[in-house]
PDB file of N, CA and C in Angstrom:
ATOM      1  N   MET A   1       0.991  -1.239   0.049  1.00  0.00           N
ATOM      2  CA  MET A   1      -0.113  -0.194   0.012  1.00  0.00           C
ATOM      3  C   MET A   1       0.729   1.562   0.040  1.00  0.00           C
ATOM      4  N   LEU A   2       2.289   0.963   0.025  1.00  0.00           N
ATOM      5  CA  LEU A   2       3.098   2.105   0.148  1.00  0.00           C
ATOM      6  C   LEU A   2       2.647   2.951  -1.037  1.00  0.00           C
ATOM      7  N   ASP A   3       2.741   2.610  -2.384  1.00  0.00           N
ATOM      8  CA  ASP A   3       2.182   3.574  -3.433  1.00  0.00           C
ATOM      9  C   ASP A   3       1.297   4.167  -3.286  1.00  0.00           C
ATOM     10  N   ALA A   4      -0.088   3.829  -2.907  1.00  0.00           N
ATOM     11  CA  ALA A   4      -1.136   4.538  -2.627  1.00  0.00           C
ATOM     12  C   ALA A   4      -1.170   5.250  -1.649  1.00  0.00           C
ATOM     13  N   VAL A   5      -0.454   5.090  -0.386  1.00  0.00           N
ATOM     14  CA  VAL A   5      -0.160   6.161   0.821  1.00  0.00           C
ATOM     15  C   VAL A   5       0.712   7.667  -0.244  1.00  0.00           C
ATOM     16  N   THR A   6       1.374   6.728  -0.833  1.00  0.00           N
ATOM     17  CA  THR A   6       2.495   7.921  -1.510  1.00  0.00           C
ATOM     18  C   THR A   6       1.500   8.805  -2.311  1.00  0.00           C
ATOM     19  N   ALA A   7       0.742   8.372  -2.938  1.00  0.00           N
ATOM     20  CA  ALA A   7      -0.243   9.213  -3.951  1.00  0.00           C
ATOM     21  C   ALA A   7      -1.066   9.945  -3.223  1.00  0.00           C
ATOM     22  N   LEU A   8      -1.562   9.546  -1.957  1.00  0.00           N
ATOM     23  CA  LEU A   8      -2.886  10.195  -1.282  1.00  0.00           C
ATOM     24  C   LEU A   8      -2.161  11.023  -0.188  1.00  0.00           C
ATOM     25  N   SER A   9      -1.461  10.413   0.825  1.00  0.00           N
ATOM     26  CA  SER A   9      -0.837  11.415   1.564  1.00  0.00           C
ATOM     27  C   SER A   9       0.499  12.100   1.476  1.00  0.00           C
ATOM     28  N   GLY A  10       1.095  11.727   0.535  1.00  0.00           N
ATOM     29  CA  GLY A  10       2.601  11.940   0.266  1.00  0.00           C
ATOM     30  C   GLY A  10       2.301  13.203  -0.546  1.00  0.00           C
ATOM     31  N   SER A  11       1.518  12.851  -1.726  1.00  0.00           N
ATOM     32  CA  SER A  11       1.564  13.961  -2.542  1.00  0.00           C
ATOM     33  C   SER A  11       0.410  15.013  -2.382  1.00  0.00           C
ATOM     34  N   GLY A  12      -0.412  14.486  -1.462  1.00  0.00           N
ATOM     35  CA  GLY A  12      -1.932  15.138  -1.099  1.00  0.00           C
ATOM     36  C   GLY A  12      -1.754  16.384  -0.597  1.00  0.00           C
ATOM     37  N   PRO A  13      -0.598  16.917  -0.060  1.00  0.00           N
ATOM     38  CA  PRO A  13      -0.365  18.250   0.396  1.00  0.00           C
ATOM     39  C   PRO A  13      -0.489  19.518  -1.020  1.00  0.00           C
ATOM     40  N   ALA A  14       0.339  18.740  -1.879  1.00  0.00           N
ATOM     41  CA  ALA A  14       0.494  19.583  -3.312  1.00  0.00           C
ATOM     42  C   ALA A  14      -1.012  19.840  -4.095  1.00  0.00           C
ATOM     43  N   TYR A  15      -2.004  18.624  -3.599  1.00  0.00           N
ATOM     44  CA  TYR A  15      -3.116  18.834  -4.375  1.00  0.00           C
ATOM     45  C   TYR A  15      -3.982  20.134  -3.562  1.00  0.00           C
ATOM     46  N   VAL A  16      -3.736  20.129  -2.364  1.00  0.00           N
ATOM     47  CA  VAL A  16      -4.483  21.011  -1.516  1.00  0.00           C
ATOM     48  C   VAL A  16      -4.021  22.561  -1.580  1.00  0.00           C
ATOM     49  N   PHE A  17      -2.587  22.666  -1.733  1.00  0.00           N
ATOM     50  CA  PHE A  17      -1.789  23.850  -2.146  1.00  0.00           C
ATOM     51  C   PHE A  17      -2.426  24.227  -3.661  1.00  0.00           C
ATOM     52  N   TYR A  18      -2.725  23.480  -4.374  1.00  0.00           N
ATOM     53  CA  TYR A  18      -2.945  23.779  -5.704  1.00  0.00           C
ATOM     54  C   TYR A  18      -4.609  24.427  -5.627  1.00  0.00           C
ATOM     55  N   PHE A  19      -5.176  23.766  -4.932  1.00  0.00           N
ATOM     56  CA  PHE A  19      -6.513  24.171  -4.814  1.00  0.00           C
ATOM     57  C   PHE A  19      -6.741  25.421  -4.168  1.00  0.00           C
ATOM     58  N   MET A  20      -5.611  25.646  -3.242  1.00  0.00           N
ATOM     59  CA  MET A  20      -5.372  26.968  -2.459  1.00  0.00           C
ATOM     60  C   MET A  20      -5.077  28.101  -3.218  1.00  0.00           C
ATOM     61  N   GLU A  21      -4.094  27.661  -4.194  1.00  0.00           N
ATOM     62  CA  GLU A  21      -3.534  28.710  -5.303  1.00  0.00           C
ATOM     63  C   GLU A  21      -4.752  29.349  -6.079  1.00  0.00           C
ATOM     64  N   CYS A  22      -5.638  28.445  -6.725  1.00  0.00           N
ATOM     65  CA  CYS A  22      -6.833  28.402  -7.370  1.00  0.00           C
ATOM     66  C   CYS A  22      -7.491  29.744  -6.482  1.00  0.00           C
ATOM     67  N   MET A  23      -7.740  29.237  -5.463  1.00  0.00           N
ATOM     68  CA  MET A  23      -8.901  29.972  -4.763  1.00  0.00           C
ATOM     69  C   MET A  23      -8.541  31.610  -4.326  1.00  0.00           C
ATOM     70  N   GLN A  24      -6.814  31.724  -4.132  1.00  0.00           N
ATOM     71  CA  GLN A  24      -6.321  32.664  -3.774  1.00  0.00           C
ATOM     72  C   GLN A  24      -6.213  33.563  -5.411  1.00  0.00           C
ATOM     73  N   ARG A  25      -6.054  32.928  -6.181  1.00  0.00           N
ATOM     74  CA  ARG A  25      -5.783  33.724  -7.585  1.00  0.00           C
ATOM     75  C   ARG A  25      -7.204  34.343  -7.581  1.00  0.00           C
ATOM     76  N   VAL A  26      -8.459  33.417  -7.846  1.00  0.00           N
ATOM     77  CA  VAL A  26      -9.863  34.280  -8.046  1.00  0.00           C
ATOM     78  C   VAL A  26     -10.312  35.063  -6.746  1.00  0.00           C
ATOM     79  N   ALA A  27      -9.475  34.976  -5.559  1.00  0.00           N
ATOM     80  CA  ALA A  27      -9.992  35.766  -4.509  1.00  0.00           C
ATOM     81  C   ALA A  27      -9.396  37.394  -4.791  1.00  0.00           C
ATOM     82  N   ALA A  28      -8.090  37.351  -5.666  1.00  0.00           N
ATOM     83  CA  ALA A  28      -7.720  38.613  -5.996  1.00  0.00           C
ATOM     84  C   ALA A  28      -8.383  39.456  -7.202  1.00  0.00           C
ATOM     85  N   GLU A  29      -8.938  38.117  -8.209  1.00  0.00           N
ATOM     86  CA  GLU A  29      -9.835  38.751  -9.312  1.00  0.00           C
ATOM     87  C   GLU A  29     -11.158  39.262  -8.625  1.00  0.00           C
ATOM     88  N   LEU A  30     -11.657  39.033  -7.594  1.00  0.00           N
ATOM     89  CA  LEU A  30     -12.402  39.501  -6.596  1.00  0.00           C
ATOM     90  C   LEU A  30     -12.592  40.386  -5.796  1.00  0.00           C
ATOM     91  N   GLY A  31     -11.190  41.277  -6.103  1.00  0.00           N
ATOM     92  CA  GLY A  31     -10.889  42.242  -5.269  1.00  0.00           C
ATOM     93  C   GLY A  31     -10.553  42.031  -3.865  1.00  0.00           C
ATOM     94  N   PHE A  32      -9.640  41.207  -3.273  1.00  0.00           N
ATOM     95  CA  PHE A  32      -9.269  40.904  -2.412  1.00  0.00           C
ATOM     96  C   PHE A  32      -7.597  41.082  -2.361  1.00  0.00           C
ATOM     97  N   ASP A  33      -6.859  41.843  -1.220  1.00  0.00           N
ATOM     98  CA  ASP A  33      -5.440  42.238  -1.298  1.00  0.00           C
ATOM     99  C   ASP A  33      -4.819  40.291  -1.226  1.00  0.00           C
ATOM    100  N   GLU A  34      -3.867  40.584  -1.236  1.00  0.00           N
ATOM    101  CA  GLU A  34      -3.082  39.044  -1.298  1.00  0.00           C
ATOM    102  C   GLU A  34      -3.066  38.615  -0.011  1.00  0.00           C
ATOM    103  N   ASN A  35      -2.685  39.436   1.073  1.00  0.00           N
ATOM    104  CA  ASN A  35      -2.852  38.946   2.455  1.00  0.00           C
ATOM    105  C   ASN A  35      -3.932  38.546   3.078  1.00  0.00           C
ATOM    106  N   THR A  36      -5.226  39.095   2.379  1.00  0.00           N
ATOM    107  CA  THR A  36      -6.773  38.765   3.051  1.00  0.00           C
ATOM    108  C   THR A  36      -7.010  37.289   2.153  1.00  0.00           C
ATOM    109  N   ALA A  37      -6.598  37.627   0.923  1.00  0.00           N
ATOM    110  CA  ALA A  37      -6.915  36.291   0.274  1.00  0.00           C
ATOM    111  C   ALA A  37      -6.457  34.952   0.751  1.00  0.00           C
ATOM    112  N   ARG A  38      -5.253  35.082   1.080  1.00  0.00           N
ATOM    113  CA  ARG A  38      -4.534  33.976   1.923  1.00  0.00           C
ATOM    114  C   ARG A  38      -4.904  33.637   3.020  1.00  0.00           C
ATOM    115  N   LEU A  39      -5.397  34.753   3.611  1.00  0.00           N
ATOM    116  CA  LEU A  39      -5.850  33.990   5.094  1.00  0.00           C
ATOM    117  C   LEU A  39      -7.357  33.594   5.011  1.00  0.00           C
ATOM    118  N   LEU A  40      -8.036  34.259   4.037  1.00  0.00           N
ATOM    119  CA  LEU A  40      -9.415  33.930   3.688  1.00  0.00           C
ATOM    120  C   LEU A  40      -9.495  32.057   3.555  1.00  0.00           C
ATOM    121  N   VAL A  41      -8.489  32.017   2.431  1.00  0.00           N
ATOM    122  CA  VAL A  41      -8.346  30.714   2.041  1.00  0.00           C
ATOM    123  C   VAL A  41      -7.833  29.608   2.966  1.00  0.00           C
ATOM    124  N   ILE A  42      -6.925  30.147   3.655  1.00  0.00           N
ATOM    125  CA  ILE A  42      -6.177  29.218   4.706  1.00  0.00           C
ATOM    126  C   ILE A  42      -7.062  28.976   6.034  1.00  0.00           C
ATOM    127  N   GLN A  43      -8.296  30.186   6.334  1.00  0.00           N
ATOM    128  CA  GLN A  43      -9.075  29.654   7.280  1.00  0.00           C
ATOM    129  C   GLN A  43     -10.217  28.558   6.794  1.00  0.00           C
ATOM    130  N   THR A  44     -10.634  28.610   5.531  1.00  0.00           N
ATOM    131  CA  THR A  44     -11.476  28.304   4.867  1.00  0.00           C
ATOM    132  C   THR A  44     -11.184  26.580   4.999  1.00  0.00           C
ATOM    133  N   PHE A  45      -9.797  26.313   4.501  1.00  0.00           N
ATOM    134  CA  PHE A  45      -9.213  24.672   4.798  1.00  0.00           C
ATOM    135  C   PHE A  45      -8.991  24.321   6.022  1.00  0.00           C
ATOM    136  N   LYS A  46      -8.767  25.199   6.985  1.00  0.00           N
ATOM    137  CA  LYS A  46      -8.493  24.700   8.432  1.00  0.00           C
ATOM    138  C   LYS A  46      -9.964  24.450   8.893  1.00  0.00           C
ATOM    139  N   GLY A  47     -11.008  25.582   8.710  1.00  0.00           N
ATOM    140  CA  GLY A  47     -12.440  25.058   9.111  1.00  0.00           C
ATOM    141  C   GLY A  47     -12.864  24.030   8.785  1.00  0.00           C
ATOM    142  N   ALA A  48     -12.819  23.727   7.517  1.00  0.00           N
ATOM    143  CA  ALA A  48     -13.232  22.500   6.666  1.00  0.00           C
ATOM    144  C   ALA A  48     -12.606  21.400   7.517  1.00  0.00           C
ATOM    145  N   ALA A  49     -11.005  21.235   7.322  1.00  0.00           N
ATOM    146  CA  ALA A  49     -10.846  20.041   8.120  1.00  0.00           C
ATOM    147  C   ALA A  49     -11.006  19.995   9.295  1.00  0.00           C
ATOM    148  N   GLU A  50     -11.107  20.871  10.371  1.00  0.00           N
ATOM    149  CA  GLU A  50     -11.258  20.680  11.634  1.00  0.00           C
ATOM    150  C   GLU A  50     -12.910  20.362  11.674  1.00  0.00           C
ATOM    151  N   LEU A  51     -13.754  20.664  10.931  1.00  0.00           N
ATOM    152  CA  LEU A  51     -15.491  20.121  11.036  1.00  0.00           C
ATOM    153  C   LEU A  51     -15.299  18.646  10.441  1.00  0.00           C
ATOM    154  N   ALA A  52     -14.431  18.109   9.367  1.00  0.00           N
ATOM    155  CA  ALA A  52     -14.353  16.827   9.062  1.00  0.00           C
ATOM    156  C   ALA A  52     -13.725  15.906  10.207  1.00  0.00           C
ATOM    157  N   ASP A  53     -12.644  16.601  10.800  1.00  0.00           N
ATOM    158  CA  ASP A  53     -11.962  15.872  11.985  1.00  0.00           C
ATOM    159  C   ASP A  53     -13.125  15.411  12.586  1.00  0.00           C
ATOM    160  N   GLN A  54     -13.830  16.607  13.206  1.00  0.00           N
ATOM    161  CA  GLN A  54     -14.569  16.326  14.414  1.00  0.00           C
ATOM    162  C   GLN A  54     -15.996  15.489  14.314  1.00  0.00           C
ATOM    163  N   SER A  55     -16.066  15.157  12.970  1.00  0.00           N
ATOM    164  CA  SER A  55     -17.560  14.376  12.662  1.00  0.00           C
ATOM    165  C   SER A  55     -16.817  12.576  12.206  1.00  0.00           C
ATOM    166  N   THR A  56     -18.193  12.006  12.322  1.00  0.00           N
ATOM    167  CA  THR A  56     -18.061  11.120  12.203  1.00  0.00           C
ATOM    168  C   THR A  56     -18.735  10.825  10.490  1.00  0.00           C
ATOM    169  N   ASP A  57     -19.012  11.898  10.057  1.00  0.00           N
ATOM    170  CA  ASP A  57     -19.749  11.911   8.800  1.00  0.00           C
ATOM    171  C   ASP A  57     -18.776  11.367   7.602  1.00  0.00           C
ATOM    172  N   SER A  58     -19.353  11.291   6.389  1.00  0.00           N
ATOM    173  CA  SER A  58     -18.522  11.052   5.537  1.00  0.00           C
ATOM    174  C   SER A  58     -18.152  12.581   4.575  1.00  0.00           C
ATOM    175  N   ALA A  59     -17.250  12.825   3.752  1.00  0.00           N
ATOM    176  CA  ALA A  59     -17.036  13.992   3.311  1.00  0.00           C
ATOM    177  C   ALA A  59     -18.258  14.323   2.455  1.00  0.00           C
ATOM    178  N   GLU A  60     -18.687  13.348   1.620  1.00  0.00           N
ATOM    179  CA  GLU A  60     -20.137  13.511   0.807  1.00  0.00           C
ATOM    180  C   GLU A  60     -21.282  14.163   1.835  1.00  0.00           C
ATOM    181  N   THR A  61     -21.412  13.778   2.714  1.00  0.00           N
ATOM    182  CA  THR A  61     -22.285  13.906   3.808  1.00  0.00           C
ATOM    183  C   THR A  61     -22.092  15.441   4.020  1.00  0.00           C
ATOM    184  N   LEU A  62     -20.854  15.359   4.446  1.00  0.00           N
ATOM    185  CA  LEU A  62     -20.625  16.816   5.244  1.00  0.00           C
ATOM    186  C   LEU A  62     -20.896  18.364   3.945  1.00  0.00           C
ATOM    187  N   ARG A  63     -20.268  17.846   2.532  1.00  0.00           N
ATOM    188  CA  ARG A  63     -20.381  18.639   1.718  1.00  0.00           C
ATOM    189  C   ARG A  63     -22.152  18.962   1.331  1.00  0.00           C
ATOM    190  N   LYS A  64     -22.703  17.803   1.309  1.00  0.00           N
ATOM    191  CA  LYS A  64     -24.207  18.042   1.024  1.00  0.00           C
ATOM    192  C   LYS A  64     -24.779  19.191   2.149  1.00  0.00           C
ATOM    193  N   ARG A  65     -24.456  19.041   3.241  1.00  0.00           N
ATOM    194  CA  ARG A  65     -24.738  19.704   4.615  1.00  0.00           C
ATOM    195  C   ARG A  65     -24.572  21.094   4.534  1.00  0.00           C
ATOM    196  N   VAL A  66     -23.303  21.620   3.746  1.00  0.00           N
ATOM    197  CA  VAL A  66     -23.182  22.757   3.790  1.00  0.00           C
ATOM    198  C   VAL A  66     -23.379  23.616   2.172  1.00  0.00           C
ATOM    199  N   THR A  67     -24.367  22.719   1.357  1.00  0.00           N
ATOM    200  CA  THR A  67     -24.741  23.078   0.143  1.00  0.00           C
ATOM    201  C   THR A  67     -25.891  22.990   0.196  1.00  0.00           C
ATOM    202  N   SER A  68     -26.519  24.568   0.125  1.00  0.00           N
ATOM    203  CA  SER A  68     -27.956  25.165   0.152  1.00  0.00           C
ATOM    204  C   SER A  68     -28.636  24.791  -1.323  1.00  0.00           C
ATOM    205  N   LYS A  69     -29.458  24.125  -1.418  1.00  0.00           N
ATOM    206  CA  LYS A  69     -30.346  24.134  -2.626  1.00  0.00           C
ATOM    207  C   LYS A  69     -30.298  25.517  -3.624  1.00  0.00           C
ATOM    208  N   GLY A  70     -29.815  25.336  -4.755  1.00  0.00           N
ATOM    209  CA  GLY A  70     -30.261  26.472  -5.543  1.00  0.00           C
ATOM    210  C   GLY A  70     -29.382  27.967  -5.127  1.00  0.00           C
ATOM    211  N   GLY A  71     -28.321  27.423  -4.156  1.00  0.00           N
ATOM    212  CA  GLY A  71     -27.607  28.570  -3.345  1.00  0.00           C
ATOM    213  C   GLY A  71     -26.222  28.609  -4.272  1.00  0.00           C
ATOM    214  N   THR A  72     -25.269  29.488  -3.893  1.00  0.00           N
ATOM    215  CA  THR A  72     -23.869  29.456  -4.222  1.00  0.00           C
ATOM    216  C   THR A  72     -22.936  28.377  -4.536  1.00  0.00           C
ATOM    217  N   THR A  73     -23.003  27.920  -3.567  1.00  0.00           N
ATOM    218  CA  THR A  73     -22.300  26.785  -3.318  1.00  0.00           C
ATOM    219  C   THR A  73     -22.645  25.430  -4.392  1.00  0.00           C
ATOM    220  N   GLU A  74     -23.859  25.424  -4.819  1.00  0.00           N
ATOM    221  CA  GLU A  74     -24.459  24.486  -5.183  1.00  0.00           C
ATOM    222  C   GLU A  74     -24.057  24.816  -7.028  1.00  0.00           C
ATOM    223  N   ARG A  75     -24.177  25.974  -7.364  1.00  0.00           N
ATOM    224  CA  ARG A  75     -23.612  26.736  -8.407  1.00  0.00           C
ATOM    225  C   ARG A  75     -22.196  26.500  -8.924  1.00  0.00           C
ATOM    226  N   ALA A  76     -21.724  26.792  -7.690  1.00  0.00           N
ATOM    227  CA  ALA A  76     -20.123  26.430  -7.812  1.00  0.00           C
ATOM    228  C   ALA A  76     -19.795  24.990  -8.067  1.00  0.00           C
ATOM    229  N   LEU A  77     -20.285  24.222  -7.313  1.00  0.00           N
ATOM    230  CA  LEU A  77     -19.994  22.661  -7.487  1.00  0.00           C
ATOM    231  C   LEU A  77     -20.604  22.233  -8.947  1.00  0.00           C
ATOM    232  N   ALA A  78     -21.765  22.616  -9.460  1.00  0.00           N
ATOM    233  CA  ALA A  78     -22.264  22.405 -10.725  1.00  0.00           C
ATOM    234  C   ALA A  78     -21.339  22.336 -11.619  1.00  0.00           C
ATOM    235  N   VAL A  79     -20.249  23.822 -11.590  1.00  0.00           N
ATOM    236  CA  VAL A  79     -19.346  24.120 -12.538  1.00  0.00           C
ATOM    237  C   VAL A  79     -18.266  22.638 -12.639  1.00  0.00           C
ATOM    238  N   LEU A  80     -17.984  22.661 -11.401  1.00  0.00           N
ATOM    239  CA  LEU A  80     -16.820  21.616 -11.249  1.00  0.00           C
ATOM    240  C   LEU A  80     -17.013  20.054 -11.601  1.00  0.00           C
ATOM    241  N   GLU A  81     -18.617  19.678 -11.195  1.00  0.00           N
ATOM    242  CA  GLU A  81     -19.148  18.518 -11.868  1.00  0.00           C
ATOM    243  C   GLU A  81     -19.047  18.650 -13.279  1.00  0.00           C
ATOM    244  N   ASN A  82     -19.793  19.670 -14.150  1.00  0.00           N
ATOM    245  CA  ASN A  82     -19.601  19.672 -15.653  1.00  0.00           C
ATOM    246  C   ASN A  82     -18.455  19.640 -16.032  1.00  0.00           C
ATOM    247  N   ALA A  83     -17.006  19.893 -15.122  1.00  0.00           N
ATOM    248  CA  ALA A  83     -15.692  20.161 -15.799  1.00  0.00           C
ATOM    249  C   ALA A  83     -15.230  18.627 -15.690  1.00  0.00           C
ATOM    250  N   ARG A  84     -16.007  17.809 -14.718  1.00  0.00           N
ATOM    251  CA  ARG A  84     -15.611  16.791 -14.353  1.00  0.00           C
ATOM    252  C   ARG A  84     -14.275  16.683 -13.623  1.00  0.00           C
ATOM    253  N   ALA A  85     -14.217  17.594 -12.680  1.00  0.00           N
ATOM    254  CA  ALA A  85     -13.096  17.791 -11.847  1.00  0.00           C
ATOM    255  C   ALA A  85     -12.804  16.472 -10.915  1.00  0.00           C
ATOM    256  N   ASP A  86     -14.208  15.823 -10.514  1.00  0.00           N
ATOM    257  CA  ASP A  86     -13.674  14.654  -9.732  1.00  0.00           C
ATOM    258  C   ASP A  86     -12.673  13.766 -10.557  1.00  0.00           C
ATOM    259  N   GLU A  87     -13.153  13.599 -11.676  1.00  0.00           N
ATOM    260  CA  GLU A  87     -12.599  12.514 -12.512  1.00  0.00           C
ATOM    261  C   GLU A  87     -11.056  12.994 -12.684  1.00  0.00           C
ATOM    262  N   ALA A  88     -10.635  13.905 -12.754  1.00  0.00           N
ATOM    263  CA  ALA A  88      -9.622  14.527 -13.082  1.00  0.00           C
ATOM    264  C   ALA A  88      -8.652  14.356 -11.566  1.00  0.00           C
ATOM    265  N   ILE A  89      -9.292  14.676 -10.457  1.00  0.00           N
ATOM    266  CA  ILE A  89      -8.401  14.444  -9.443  1.00  0.00           C
ATOM    267  C   ILE A  89      -8.375  12.913  -9.333  1.00  0.00           C
ATOM    268  N   VAL A  90      -9.443  12.041  -9.529  1.00  0.00           N
ATOM    269  CA  VAL A  90      -9.038  10.544  -9.510  1.00  0.00           C
ATOM    270  C   VAL A  90      -8.072  10.280 -10.374  1.00  0.00           C
ATOM    271  N   ARG A  91      -8.010  10.211 -11.442  1.00  0.00           N
ATOM    272  CA  ARG A  91      -6.797  10.266 -12.833  1.00  0.00           C
ATOM    273  C   ARG A  91      -5.444  11.008 -12.062  1.00  0.00           C
ATOM    274  N   ALA A  92      -5.660  12.130 -11.533  1.00  0.00           N
ATOM    275  CA  ALA A  92      -4.249  12.749 -10.878  1.00  0.00           C
ATOM    276  C   ALA A  92      -3.479  11.573  -9.827  1.00  0.00           C
ATOM    277  N   VAL A  93      -4.527  11.337  -8.808  1.00  0.00           N
ATOM    278  CA  VAL A  93      -3.961  10.315  -7.584  1.00  0.00           C
ATOM    279  C   VAL A  93      -3.613   8.968  -8.124  1.00  0.00           C
ATOM    280  N   LEU A  94      -4.483   8.348  -9.257  1.00  0.00           N
ATOM    281  CA  LEU A  94      -3.964   7.381  -9.889  1.00  0.00           C
ATOM    282  C   LEU A  94      -2.481   7.228 -10.326  1.00  0.00           C
ATOM    283  N   ALA A  95      -2.217   8.424 -11.246  1.00  0.00           N
ATOM    284  CA  ALA A  95      -1.031   8.962 -11.916  1.00  0.00           C
ATOM    285  C   ALA A  95       0.044   8.951 -11.011  1.00  0.00           C
ATOM    286  N   ALA A  96      -0.373   9.400  -9.912  1.00  0.00           N
ATOM    287  CA  ALA A  96       0.731   9.498  -8.826  1.00  0.00           C
ATOM    288  C   ALA A  96       1.292   8.329  -8.147  1.00  0.00           C
ATOM    289  N   ALA A  97       0.159   7.490  -7.993  1.00  0.00           N
ATOM    290  CA  ALA A  97       0.387   5.891  -7.889  1.00  0.00           C
ATOM    291  C   ALA A  97       1.305   5.170  -8.641  1.00  0.00           C
ATOM    292  N   GLN A  98       1.157   5.372 -10.092  1.00  0.00           N
ATOM    293  CA  GLN A  98       1.485   4.470 -10.982  1.00  0.00           C
ATOM    294  C   GLN A  98       3.011   5.338 -10.958  1.00  0.00           C
ATOM    295  N   ARG A  99       3.293   6.345 -11.130  1.00  0.00           N
ATOM    296  CA  ARG A  99       4.609   6.814 -10.775  1.00  0.00           C
ATOM    297  C   ARG A  99       5.373   6.584  -9.588  1.00  0.00           C
ATOM    298  N   SER A 100       4.761   6.043  -8.525  1.00  0.00           N
ATOM    299  CA  SER A 100       5.313   5.755  -7.338  1.00  0.00           C
ATOM    300  C   SER A 100       5.803   4.352  -7.481  1.00  0.00           C
ATOM    301  N   ARG A 101       4.893   3.348  -8.604  1.00  0.00           N
ATOM    302  CA  ARG A 101       5.105   2.048  -8.677  1.00  0.00           C
ATOM    303  C   ARG A 101       6.438   2.225  -9.550  1.00  0.00           C
ATOM    304  N   GLU A 102       6.476   2.933 -10.532  1.00  0.00           N
ATOM    305  CA  GLU A 102       7.771   3.193 -11.332  1.00  0.00           C
ATOM    306  C   GLU A 102       9.009   3.397 -10.720  1.00  0.00           C
ATOM    307  N   LEU A 103       8.711   4.546  -9.736  1.00  0.00           N
ATOM    308  CA  LEU A 103      10.331   4.580  -9.271  1.00  0.00           C
ATOM    309  C   LEU A 103      10.349   3.714  -8.100  1.00  0.00           C
ATOM    310  N   GLY A 104       9.537   2.935  -7.437  1.00  0.00           N
ATOM    311  CA  GLY A 104      10.098   1.974  -6.725  1.00  0.00           C
ATOM    312  C   GLY A 104      10.554   0.568  -7.495  1.00  0.00           C
ATOM    313  N   ASP A 105      10.261   0.491  -8.803  1.00  0.00           N
ATOM    314  CA  ASP A 105      10.679  -0.631  -9.616  1.00  0.00           C
ATOM    315  C   ASP A 105      12.265   0.094 -10.177  1.00  0.00           C
ATOM    316  N   GLU A 106      12.238   1.117 -10.658  1.00  0.00           N
ATOM    317  CA  GLU A 106      13.881   1.702 -11.033  1.00  0.00           C
ATOM    318  C   GLU A 106      14.530   1.722  -9.835  1.00  0.00           C
ATOM    319  N   LEU A 107      14.075   2.094  -8.459  1.00  0.00           N
ATOM    320  CA  LEU A 107      15.079   1.599  -7.680  1.00  0.00           C
ATOM    321  C   LEU A 107      15.459   0.634  -7.305  1.00  0.00           C
ATOM    322  N   GLY A 108      14.329  -0.441  -7.442  1.00  0.00           N
ATOM    323  CA  GLY A 108      14.965  -1.957  -7.072  1.00  0.00           C
ATOM    324  C   GLY A 108      15.258  -2.385  -8.387  1.00  0.00           C
ATOM    325  N   SER A 109      15.481  -1.934  -9.506  1.00  0.00           N
ATOM    326  CA  SER A 109      16.343  -2.474 -10.737  1.00  0.00           C
ATOM    327  C   SER A 109      17.658  -2.064 -10.432  1.00  0.00           C
ATOM    328  N   ASP A 110      17.854  -0.495 -10.036  1.00  0.00           N
ATOM    329  CA  ASP A 110      19.280   0.122  -9.819  1.00  0.00           C
ATOM    330  C   ASP A 110      19.733  -0.881  -8.441  1.00  0.00           C
ATOM    331  N   LYS A 111      19.043  -1.072  -7.693  1.00  0.00           N
ATOM    332  CA  LYS A 111      19.812  -1.944  -6.516  1.00  0.00           C
ATOM    333  C   LYS A 111      20.134  -3.266  -6.794  1.00  0.00           C
ATOM    334  N   ASP A 112      19.540  -4.189  -7.651  1.00  0.00           N
ATOM    335  CA  ASP A 112      19.527  -5.161  -8.621  1.00  0.00           C
ATOM    336  C   ASP A 112      21.224  -5.033  -9.078  1.00  0.00           C
ATOM    337  N   LYS A 113      21.366  -3.921  -9.750  1.00  0.00           N
ATOM    338  CA  LYS A 113      22.431  -3.928 -10.290  1.00  0.00           C
ATOM    339  C   LYS A 113      23.897  -4.022  -9.493  1.00  0.00           C
ATOM    340  N   ASP A 114      23.592  -3.648  -8.174  1.00  0.00           N
ATOM    341  CA  ASP A 114      24.803  -3.712  -7.494  1.00  0.00           C
ATOM    342  C   ASP A 114      25.324  -4.960  -6.922  1.00  0.00           C
TER     343      ASP A 114
END
């Protein structure tokens, strides 16, 4: 499971930072200064992570609870769904796991040469 852990937890912070980058960039487009954008995004991620940590509910259930029918979040999530962001995330994590296997094989074959 090391390749899977590498793809999820080893590479995971980069996925989070990537999402944070995007949110900070759009915050600037919406008129926030860099420091305020950074603070809002960091606090949003901290709050969501804390809520998930303190709950036994699935991420799907938590997402549904904070998504009002006909509201702003529902509209944003529809854009992500239409862009098939979920599929892109799955492909990205699987690609990381595959690369981890490849690197392990390469290191293993280098070790066998000694």
